[in-house]
């Protein structure tokens, strides 16, 4: 959530930043927030002044009574009663204005960092780095949705039978490949200094608002109505919310957590070749890295997190590219996002497998996540997260890029985790 002080002091810069998102309502919402903030502060000031006078008048009533001036005391008592009613009305009005202000602030996405390019679609994203050579596949090479049938390692029909479309069943070496990737990603994160967390995979409403999934993505999340709980879209939500309403010390920073969870998305996309097979699912597995840092350290941290993700892809021998997302393609909460995409040789297209984002103070302001510096001053922290990595498209690329006439070759780095070198 954007800070009101920033909206007040840097209105022009905020609007210029939000213009990169092509948000038509930005100026209307910013102006509405500022007007409500003005009303809120006016009510607070008026109430404080009235309470000060009320206390003085209450004291004076006692003095008048002691002096035998009962009539004057009675008259002043009537005025005090009227003031109490005004203060009560102010409190009710203040509650209404504060709720309305909060709802307006929830509508406003994060302001893109200065480095973020303007643009509306993924075509406007900027390629920052590429690595690897696209493999040349043998004649008759198959896309992964045909390979999984050929080798009987993932079954979509069984998933439909027990759950519905977008819920695959992993079998045999397919299940072992999933487990191997999860263990590899967690192992690499531990080597990089991340502390593993195993959080719940359902969260309450406060957690959804804390990290910005609510109200923005309410329709995309599975909701357990009877209990008021949401199935998580990513481990970022429960892990970051571990620090909601927490004041950390400098000695505790940076926070570096990693977690593996299944993830759930109601809105899995439209039908078509670009979402076939593992390309887009309702349920999938992901290892997530989360960091919480001092503001001055966050962009160096962002680059370190990108390097970690890039290192995973290089160890998996997957050609990839790193994209700086334009304003129109960024997530609601992000100030700056890099996407990592691997090349799928059979599909002849790039597949997004990771987003690494710096949210600056946007989530921390919602979470009331702060730290106390050496001078004892309390400040908001910066939060960051990244997929390290999401499994479905990684599996798709491994299957497609490593297919041979003799079977599917397993990347060397995974063999100690799979216990086999080939599928087929």
Protein backbone atom coordinates (compact mmCIF):
# COMPACT_ATOMS: atom_id res chain seq x y z
CA UNK A 1 0.00 0.00 0.00
CA UNK A 2 1.35 3.42 -0.90
CA UNK A 3 2.31 5.64 2.01
CA UNK A 4 0.12 8.71 2.50
CA UNK A 5 3.18 10.84 3.23
CA UNK A 6 4.57 9.88 -0.18
CA UNK A 7 1.26 10.72 -1.86
CA UNK A 8 1.19 14.11 -0.15
CA UNK A 9 4.81 15.08 -0.71
CA UNK A 10 5.43 13.52 -4.13
CA UNK A 11 2.04 13.60 -5.86
CA UNK A 12 3.47 14.50 -9.27
CA UNK A 13 6.15 11.77 -9.13
CA UNK A 14 3.57 9.17 -8.04
CA UNK A 15 1.27 10.05 -10.95
CA UNK A 16 4.17 9.99 -13.41
CA UNK A 17 5.18 6.56 -12.11
CA UNK A 18 1.65 5.16 -12.23
CA UNK A 19 1.36 6.43 -15.82
CA UNK A 20 3.79 3.63 -16.75
CA UNK A 21 1.08 1.18 -15.71
CA UNK A 22 -1.45 2.80 -18.08
CA UNK A 23 -3.90 3.04 -15.19
CA UNK A 24 -6.65 5.42 -16.34
CA UNK A 25 -8.10 5.87 -12.85
CA UNK A 26 -4.75 6.68 -11.20
CA UNK A 27 -5.21 10.44 -10.96
CA UNK A 28 -8.82 10.09 -9.80
CA UNK A 29 -7.85 7.62 -7.05
CA UNK A 30 -4.81 9.61 -5.93
CA UNK A 31 -6.87 12.80 -5.69
CA UNK A 32 -9.62 10.94 -3.84
CA UNK A 33 -7.07 9.54 -1.36
CA UNK A 34 -5.60 13.00 -0.78
CA UNK A 35 -9.05 14.54 -0.24
CA UNK A 36 -10.03 11.82 2.25
CA UNK A 37 -6.68 12.19 3.99
CA UNK A 38 -7.33 15.93 4.28
CA UNK A 39 -10.78 15.24 5.78
CA UNK A 40 -9.29 12.71 8.19
CA UNK A 41 -6.62 15.07 9.44
CA UNK A 42 -9.11 17.93 9.77
CA UNK A 43 -11.40 15.72 11.87
CA UNK A 44 -8.48 14.60 14.03
CA UNK A 45 -7.36 18.18 14.60
CA UNK A 46 -10.88 19.37 15.39
CA UNK A 47 -11.40 16.48 17.81
CA UNK A 48 -8.10 17.13 19.60
CA UNK A 49 -8.92 20.82 20.01
CA UNK A 50 -12.41 20.03 21.31
CA UNK A 51 -11.05 17.42 23.74
CA UNK A 52 -8.51 19.90 25.08
CA UNK A 53 -11.24 22.51 25.63
CA UNK A 54 -13.52 19.83 27.09
CA UNK A 55 -10.93 18.88 29.70
CA UNK A 56 -10.40 22.53 30.60
CA UNK A 57 -14.15 23.18 30.86
CA UNK A 58 -14.70 20.06 32.97
CA UNK A 59 -12.05 21.29 35.39
CA UNK A 60 -13.65 24.74 35.44
CA UNK A 61 -17.05 23.26 36.34
CA UNK A 62 -15.55 21.87 39.52
CA UNK A 63 -13.98 25.20 40.37
CA UNK A 64 -17.29 27.03 39.80
CA UNK A 65 -19.12 24.60 42.05
CA UNK A 66 -16.57 25.14 44.82
CA UNK A 67 -17.04 28.89 44.43
CA UNK A 68 -20.81 28.59 44.82
CA UNK A 69 -21.49 29.55 41.22
CA UNK A 70 -23.90 26.70 40.55
CA UNK A 71 -25.79 28.48 37.76
CA UNK A 72 -22.63 29.19 35.78
CA UNK A 73 -21.49 25.59 36.37
CA UNK A 74 -24.81 24.25 35.12
CA UNK A 75 -24.62 26.39 31.98
CA UNK A 76 -21.06 25.23 31.28
CA UNK A 77 -22.09 21.64 31.93
CA UNK A 78 -24.67 21.93 29.12
CA UNK A 79 -21.99 23.21 26.75
CA UNK A 80 -19.71 20.31 27.74
CA UNK A 81 -22.50 17.85 26.99
CA UNK A 82 -22.91 19.40 23.53
CA UNK A 83 -19.15 19.16 22.92
CA UNK A 84 -19.21 15.47 23.85
CA UNK A 85 -21.88 14.88 21.21
CA UNK A 86 -19.78 16.67 18.57
CA UNK A 87 -16.72 14.62 19.53
CA UNK A 88 -18.78 11.44 19.30
CA UNK A 89 -20.04 12.46 15.83
CA UNK A 90 -16.45 13.24 14.80
CA UNK A 91 -15.37 9.77 15.89
CA UNK A 92 -18.09 8.12 13.82
CA UNK A 93 -17.26 10.27 10.81
CA UNK A 94 -13.54 9.60 11.27
CA UNK A 95 -14.15 5.85 11.24
CA UNK A 96 -16.14 6.14 7.99
CA UNK A 97 -13.54 8.35 6.30
CA UNK A 98 -10.68 6.10 7.43
CA UNK A 99 -12.36 2.99 6.00
CA UNK A 100 -13.07 4.76 2.71
CA UNK A 101 -9.48 6.00 2.53
CA UNK A 102 -8.13 2.49 3.11
CA UNK A 103 -10.28 1.08 0.32
CA UNK A 104 -9.05 3.76 -2.11
CA UNK A 105 -5.43 3.05 -1.15
CA UNK A 106 -6.03 -0.68 -1.76
CA UNK A 107 -6.96 0.16 -5.36
CA UNK A 108 -3.65 1.88 -6.06
CA UNK A 109 -0.84 -0.41 -7.27
CA UNK A 110 2.79 0.14 -6.41
CA UNK A 111 4.64 2.93 -8.19
CA UNK A 112 7.12 1.48 -10.72
CA UNK A 113 10.77 2.23 -10.04
CA UNK A 114 12.46 4.83 -12.22
CA UNK A 115 14.26 2.08 -14.15
CA UNK A 116 11.01 0.39 -15.25
CA UNK A 117 10.33 1.04 -18.96
CA UNK A 118 6.98 2.35 -20.12
CA UNK A 119 4.88 -0.14 -22.08
CA UNK A 120 1.57 -1.94 -22.21
CA UNK A 121 2.22 -5.57 -23.19
CA UNK A 122 4.90 -8.28 -22.81
CA UNK A 123 6.23 -7.17 -26.20
CA UNK A 124 7.43 -3.98 -24.47
CA UNK A 125 9.57 -5.87 -21.93
CA UNK A 126 13.33 -5.42 -22.21
CA UNK A 127 15.68 -8.41 -22.69
CA UNK A 128 18.56 -7.83 -20.27
CA UNK A 129 20.50 -11.09 -20.58
CA UNK A 130 20.47 -14.40 -22.46
CA UNK A 131 22.32 -17.63 -21.74
CA UNK A 132 22.74 -21.01 -23.41
CA UNK A 133 22.28 -22.51 -26.82
CA UNK A 134 18.91 -23.66 -28.10
CA UNK A 135 19.17 -27.44 -28.60
CA UNK A 136 18.61 -29.04 -32.00
CA UNK A 137 16.02 -31.72 -31.57
CA UNK A 138 15.88 -34.98 -33.53
CA UNK A 139 13.34 -35.51 -36.28
CA UNK A 140 9.93 -36.30 -34.90
CA UNK A 141 10.58 -34.43 -31.64
CA UNK A 142 7.44 -34.11 -29.51
CA UNK A 143 6.01 -31.41 -27.23
CA UNK A 144 5.91 -32.37 -23.57
CA UNK A 145 2.18 -33.18 -23.58
CA UNK A 146 2.94 -35.99 -26.04
CA UNK A 147 6.12 -37.08 -24.24
CA UNK A 148 4.32 -37.57 -20.93
CA UNK A 149 1.88 -39.93 -22.65
CA UNK A 150 4.66 -41.78 -24.43
CA UNK A 151 6.57 -42.44 -21.21
CA UNK A 152 3.50 -42.58 -18.91
CA UNK A 153 4.90 -40.13 -16.35
CA UNK A 154 2.07 -37.57 -15.98
CA UNK A 155 -1.65 -38.24 -16.39
CA UNK A 156 -4.05 -35.39 -17.01
CA UNK A 157 -7.07 -37.64 -17.48
CA UNK A 158 -6.68 -39.11 -14.00
CA UNK A 159 -6.47 -35.55 -12.68
CA UNK A 160 -9.74 -34.68 -14.41
CA UNK A 161 -11.32 -37.80 -12.91
CA UNK A 162 -10.49 -36.93 -9.31
CA UNK A 163 -10.39 -33.10 -9.42
CA UNK A 164 -10.88 -31.46 -12.82
CA UNK A 165 -8.87 -29.90 -15.63
CA UNK A 166 -5.54 -28.38 -14.62
CA UNK A 167 -4.78 -30.88 -11.84
CA UNK A 168 -2.25 -33.41 -13.24
CA UNK A 169 -1.27 -36.68 -11.56
CA UNK A 170 2.50 -37.34 -11.56
CA UNK A 171 3.46 -41.00 -11.86
CA UNK A 172 6.62 -43.07 -11.48
CA UNK A 173 9.64 -41.24 -12.83
CA UNK A 174 7.48 -38.15 -13.37
CA UNK A 175 6.76 -37.99 -9.63
CA UNK A 176 10.43 -38.64 -8.83
CA UNK A 177 11.50 -35.86 -11.20
CA UNK A 178 9.17 -33.47 -9.38
CA UNK A 179 10.58 -34.46 -6.01
CA UNK A 180 14.15 -34.25 -7.31
CA UNK A 181 13.62 -30.69 -8.56
CA UNK A 182 12.07 -29.60 -5.26
CA UNK A 183 14.95 -31.09 -3.25
CA UNK A 184 17.52 -29.59 -5.62
CA UNK A 185 16.00 -26.11 -5.38
CA UNK A 186 15.77 -26.29 -1.58
CA UNK A 187 19.31 -27.60 -1.31
CA UNK A 188 20.67 -24.76 -3.46
CA UNK A 189 18.73 -22.17 -1.45
CA UNK A 190 20.14 -23.54 1.79
CA UNK A 191 23.66 -23.23 0.37
CA UNK A 192 22.86 -19.58 -0.43
CA UNK A 193 21.94 -18.89 3.20
CA UNK A 194 18.16 -19.18 3.06
CA UNK A 195 16.35 -20.68 6.06
CA UNK A 196 13.69 -23.17 5.03
CA UNK A 197 10.11 -22.62 6.16
CA UNK A 198 7.19 -25.01 5.73
CA UNK A 199 4.14 -22.75 6.03
CA UNK A 200 0.42 -23.55 5.87
CA UNK A 201 -1.03 -23.60 2.36
CA UNK A 202 -4.19 -21.76 3.41
CA UNK A 203 -4.22 -18.19 4.75
CA UNK A 204 -6.74 -15.89 6.36
CA UNK A 205 -8.06 -12.63 4.95
CA UNK A 206 -5.56 -10.50 6.88
CA UNK A 207 -2.71 -12.37 5.23
CA UNK A 208 -4.22 -11.87 1.78
CA UNK A 209 -4.45 -8.13 2.38
CA UNK A 210 -1.01 -8.06 3.98
CA UNK A 211 0.86 -9.11 0.85
CA UNK A 212 -1.53 -7.50 -1.62
CA UNK A 213 -3.34 -10.50 -3.11
CA UNK A 214 -6.56 -9.02 -1.71
CA UNK A 215 -8.54 -7.31 -2.97
CA UNK A 216 -6.61 -7.29 -6.28
CA UNK A 217 -6.65 -11.04 -7.03
CA UNK A 218 -9.66 -12.20 -5.04
CA UNK A 219 -11.28 -13.88 -8.05
CA UNK A 220 -8.10 -15.78 -8.87
CA UNK A 221 -7.81 -17.48 -5.47
CA UNK A 222 -9.62 -20.57 -4.25
CA UNK A 223 -11.75 -19.65 -1.23
CA UNK A 224 -12.89 -22.00 1.55
CA UNK A 225 -16.11 -20.20 2.38
CA UNK A 226 -17.02 -22.08 5.58
CA UNK A 227 -13.71 -21.15 7.23
CA UNK A 228 -12.89 -17.85 5.55
CA UNK A 229 -9.56 -19.18 4.27
CA UNK A 230 -7.79 -18.86 0.91
CA UNK A 231 -5.61 -21.47 -0.79
CA UNK A 232 -2.27 -19.80 -1.44
CA UNK A 233 -1.21 -18.71 -4.95
CA UNK A 234 2.45 -18.80 -3.83
CA UNK A 235 4.52 -19.39 -0.69
CA UNK A 236 5.30 -15.67 -0.71
CA UNK A 237 1.96 -15.06 1.01
CA UNK A 238 2.34 -17.16 4.18
CA UNK A 239 6.11 -16.68 4.49
CA UNK A 240 6.03 -12.87 4.22
CA UNK A 241 3.05 -12.73 6.58
CA UNK A 242 5.14 -14.44 9.25
CA UNK A 243 6.52 -10.94 9.80
CA UNK A 244 3.22 -9.05 9.85
CA UNK A 245 3.07 -6.54 12.76
CA UNK A 246 6.71 -7.27 13.61
CA UNK A 247 9.49 -4.80 14.43
CA UNK A 248 12.87 -6.34 13.59
CA UNK A 249 16.29 -5.20 14.73
CA UNK A 250 19.14 -4.43 12.35
CA UNK A 251 20.91 -7.54 13.65
CA UNK A 252 18.04 -9.70 12.34
CA UNK A 253 18.42 -8.34 8.79
CA UNK A 254 18.39 -9.44 6.10
CA UNK A 255 15.71 -12.07 6.55
CA UNK A 256 16.25 -14.89 4.03
CA UNK A 257 13.56 -17.57 3.86
CA UNK A 258 12.78 -20.31 1.36
CA UNK A 259 9.73 -22.53 1.19
CA UNK A 260 8.28 -25.27 -0.97
CA UNK A 261 4.48 -25.39 -1.32
CA UNK A 262 1.83 -26.43 -3.78
CA UNK A 263 0.24 -23.33 -5.31
CA UNK A 264 -3.32 -22.80 -6.48
CA UNK A 265 -4.75 -20.52 -9.18
CA UNK A 266 -8.45 -20.46 -10.12
CA UNK A 267 -7.81 -18.40 -13.24
CA UNK A 268 -5.57 -20.75 -15.19
CA UNK A 269 -6.09 -19.11 -18.57
CA UNK A 270 -7.87 -19.83 -21.81
CA UNK A 271 -7.66 -22.92 -23.98
CA UNK A 272 -5.06 -23.15 -26.74
CA UNK A 273 -1.62 -24.51 -27.55
CA UNK A 274 0.08 -21.90 -25.35
CA UNK A 275 -1.64 -23.29 -22.24
CA UNK A 276 -1.58 -26.99 -23.15
CA UNK A 277 -0.09 -29.60 -20.87
CA UNK A 278 2.03 -28.17 -18.08
CA UNK A 279 2.10 -24.64 -19.47
CA UNK A 280 -0.64 -23.42 -17.15
CA UNK A 281 -2.30 -25.29 -14.27
CA UNK A 282 -4.72 -24.79 -11.40
CA UNK A 283 -2.34 -26.55 -9.00
CA UNK A 284 1.45 -26.66 -9.28
CA UNK A 285 4.55 -26.92 -7.13
CA UNK A 286 6.97 -24.08 -6.52
CA UNK A 287 9.97 -23.22 -4.39
CA UNK A 288 9.91 -19.56 -3.35
CA UNK A 289 12.67 -17.36 -1.96
CA UNK A 290 11.76 -14.35 0.19
CA UNK A 291 13.99 -11.60 1.54
CA UNK A 292 13.34 -8.68 3.87
CA UNK A 293 15.98 -5.95 3.85
CA UNK A 294 16.78 -2.38 4.76
CA UNK A 295 15.68 0.00 1.97
CA UNK A 296 19.23 0.91 0.97
CA UNK A 297 20.09 -2.76 0.42
CA UNK A 298 17.07 -3.97 -1.52
CA UNK A 299 18.20 -3.43 -5.11
CA UNK A 300 21.52 -5.17 -4.50
CA UNK A 301 19.46 -7.96 -2.92
CA UNK A 302 17.21 -8.07 -6.00
CA UNK A 303 20.24 -8.61 -8.23
CA UNK A 304 21.57 -11.33 -5.90
CA UNK A 305 18.23 -13.12 -6.05
CA UNK A 306 18.25 -12.93 -9.84
CA UNK A 307 21.75 -14.40 -9.90
CA UNK A 308 20.55 -17.25 -7.69
CA UNK A 309 17.68 -18.08 -10.06
CA UNK A 310 19.94 -17.77 -13.12
CA UNK A 311 22.41 -20.13 -11.48
CA UNK A 312 19.69 -22.75 -11.05
CA UNK A 313 18.75 -22.55 -14.73
CA UNK A 314 22.38 -22.81 -15.83
CA UNK A 315 22.92 -25.87 -13.63
CA UNK A 316 19.82 -27.41 -15.22
CA UNK A 317 21.37 -26.66 -18.65
CA UNK A 318 18.28 -24.75 -19.77
CA UNK A 319 18.71 -21.83 -22.22
CA UNK A 320 17.08 -18.78 -20.68
CA UNK A 321 16.64 -15.05 -20.97
CA UNK A 322 16.18 -12.39 -18.29
CA UNK A 323 13.51 -9.75 -18.92
CA UNK A 324 12.94 -6.39 -17.25
CA UNK A 325 9.17 -6.01 -17.21
CA UNK A 326 7.53 -2.84 -18.49
CA UNK A 327 5.00 -0.92 -16.42
CA UNK A 328 2.01 -2.50 -18.14
CA UNK A 329 3.18 -6.08 -17.55
CA UNK A 330 4.22 -5.79 -13.91
CA UNK A 331 2.41 -7.30 -10.96
CA UNK A 332 0.17 -5.08 -8.83
CA UNK A 333 2.51 -5.05 -5.80
CA UNK A 334 5.86 -4.75 -7.56
CA UNK A 335 8.14 -1.73 -7.94
CA UNK A 336 10.44 -3.65 -10.31
CA UNK A 337 10.28 -7.21 -11.66
CA UNK A 338 12.60 -9.43 -13.64
CA UNK A 339 11.16 -12.51 -15.37
CA UNK A 340 13.23 -15.54 -16.29
CA UNK A 341 12.09 -17.48 -19.33
CA UNK A 342 13.43 -20.80 -20.58
CA UNK A 343 13.34 -21.79 -24.23
CA UNK A 344 11.17 -24.78 -25.08
CA UNK A 345 12.73 -26.36 -28.15
CA UNK A 346 9.71 -28.48 -29.10
CA UNK A 347 7.24 -25.63 -28.73
CA UNK A 348 9.67 -23.09 -30.20
CA UNK A 349 8.73 -20.49 -27.60
CA UNK A 350 9.88 -18.91 -24.37
CA UNK A 351 8.21 -20.06 -21.14
CA UNK A 352 8.18 -17.94 -17.99
CA UNK A 353 9.53 -19.94 -15.05
CA UNK A 354 10.35 -17.24 -12.49
CA UNK A 355 9.49 -13.70 -11.45
CA UNK A 356 11.84 -11.91 -9.07
CA UNK A 357 10.42 -8.70 -7.62
CA UNK A 358 11.23 -5.84 -5.29
CA UNK A 359 8.11 -4.49 -3.60
CA UNK A 360 10.01 -1.74 -1.75
CA UNK A 361 7.75 -0.57 1.14
CA UNK A 362 4.44 -1.47 -0.57
CA UNK A 363 3.87 -4.76 1.27
CA UNK A 364 5.67 -3.64 4.43
CA UNK A 365 3.27 -0.70 4.80
CA UNK A 366 0.29 -3.07 4.67
CA UNK A 367 2.02 -5.54 6.97
CA UNK A 368 3.29 -2.90 9.41
CA UNK A 369 6.65 -4.60 8.97
CA UNK A 370 9.37 -2.34 10.35
CA UNK A 371 12.81 -2.28 11.89
CA UNK A 372 14.48 -0.14 14.53
CA UNK A 373 17.78 1.33 13.38
CA UNK A 374 20.81 2.05 15.57
CA UNK A 375 19.47 5.52 16.40
CA UNK A 376 16.24 3.93 17.64
CA UNK A 377 14.14 5.24 14.75
CA UNK A 378 11.47 2.91 13.37
CA UNK A 379 11.31 2.54 9.56
CA UNK A 380 9.46 0.42 7.02
CA UNK A 381 11.45 -2.41 5.46
CA UNK A 382 11.61 -3.58 1.85
CA UNK A 383 10.26 -7.01 0.87
CA UNK A 384 11.35 -9.11 -2.12
CA UNK A 385 10.45 -12.52 -3.47
CA UNK A 386 11.25 -14.81 -6.37
CA UNK A 387 10.33 -18.17 -7.86
CA UNK A 388 13.28 -20.48 -7.45
CA UNK A 389 11.69 -22.17 -9.23
CA UNK A 390 8.15 -22.96 -10.46
CA UNK A 391 8.14 -26.59 -11.55
CA UNK A 392 5.63 -27.15 -14.39
CA UNK A 393 7.39 -25.27 -17.18
CA UNK A 394 10.81 -26.35 -15.91
CA UNK A 395 9.63 -29.94 -16.26
CA UNK A 396 8.18 -29.16 -19.71
CA UNK A 397 11.49 -27.68 -20.90
CA UNK A 398 13.57 -30.53 -19.44
CA UNK A 399 11.40 -33.13 -21.16
CA UNK A 400 11.34 -31.35 -24.52
CA UNK A 401 14.92 -30.09 -24.69
CA UNK A 402 16.51 -33.35 -23.52
CA UNK A 403 14.56 -35.83 -25.65
CA UNK A 404 16.64 -38.28 -27.67
CA UNK A 405 15.78 -41.40 -29.69
CA UNK A 406 16.79 -43.42 -26.61
CA UNK A 407 14.69 -41.47 -24.11
CA UNK A 408 14.79 -38.25 -22.09
CA UNK A 409 18.15 -37.33 -20.58
CA UNK A 410 18.09 -36.08 -17.00
CA UNK A 411 20.34 -33.05 -16.31
CA UNK A 412 23.48 -34.19 -14.48
CA UNK A 413 22.83 -31.99 -11.48
CA UNK A 414 19.52 -33.80 -10.85
CA UNK A 415 20.79 -37.38 -11.09
CA UNK A 416 21.82 -37.57 -7.41
CA UNK A 417 18.25 -36.55 -6.55
CA UNK A 418 16.38 -38.71 -9.11
CA UNK A 419 18.48 -41.85 -8.84
CA UNK A 420 18.25 -42.32 -12.63
CA UNK A 421 19.84 -40.72 -15.68
CA UNK A 422 17.12 -41.25 -18.23
CA UNK A 423 13.37 -41.55 -18.68
CA UNK A 424 12.59 -44.22 -21.23
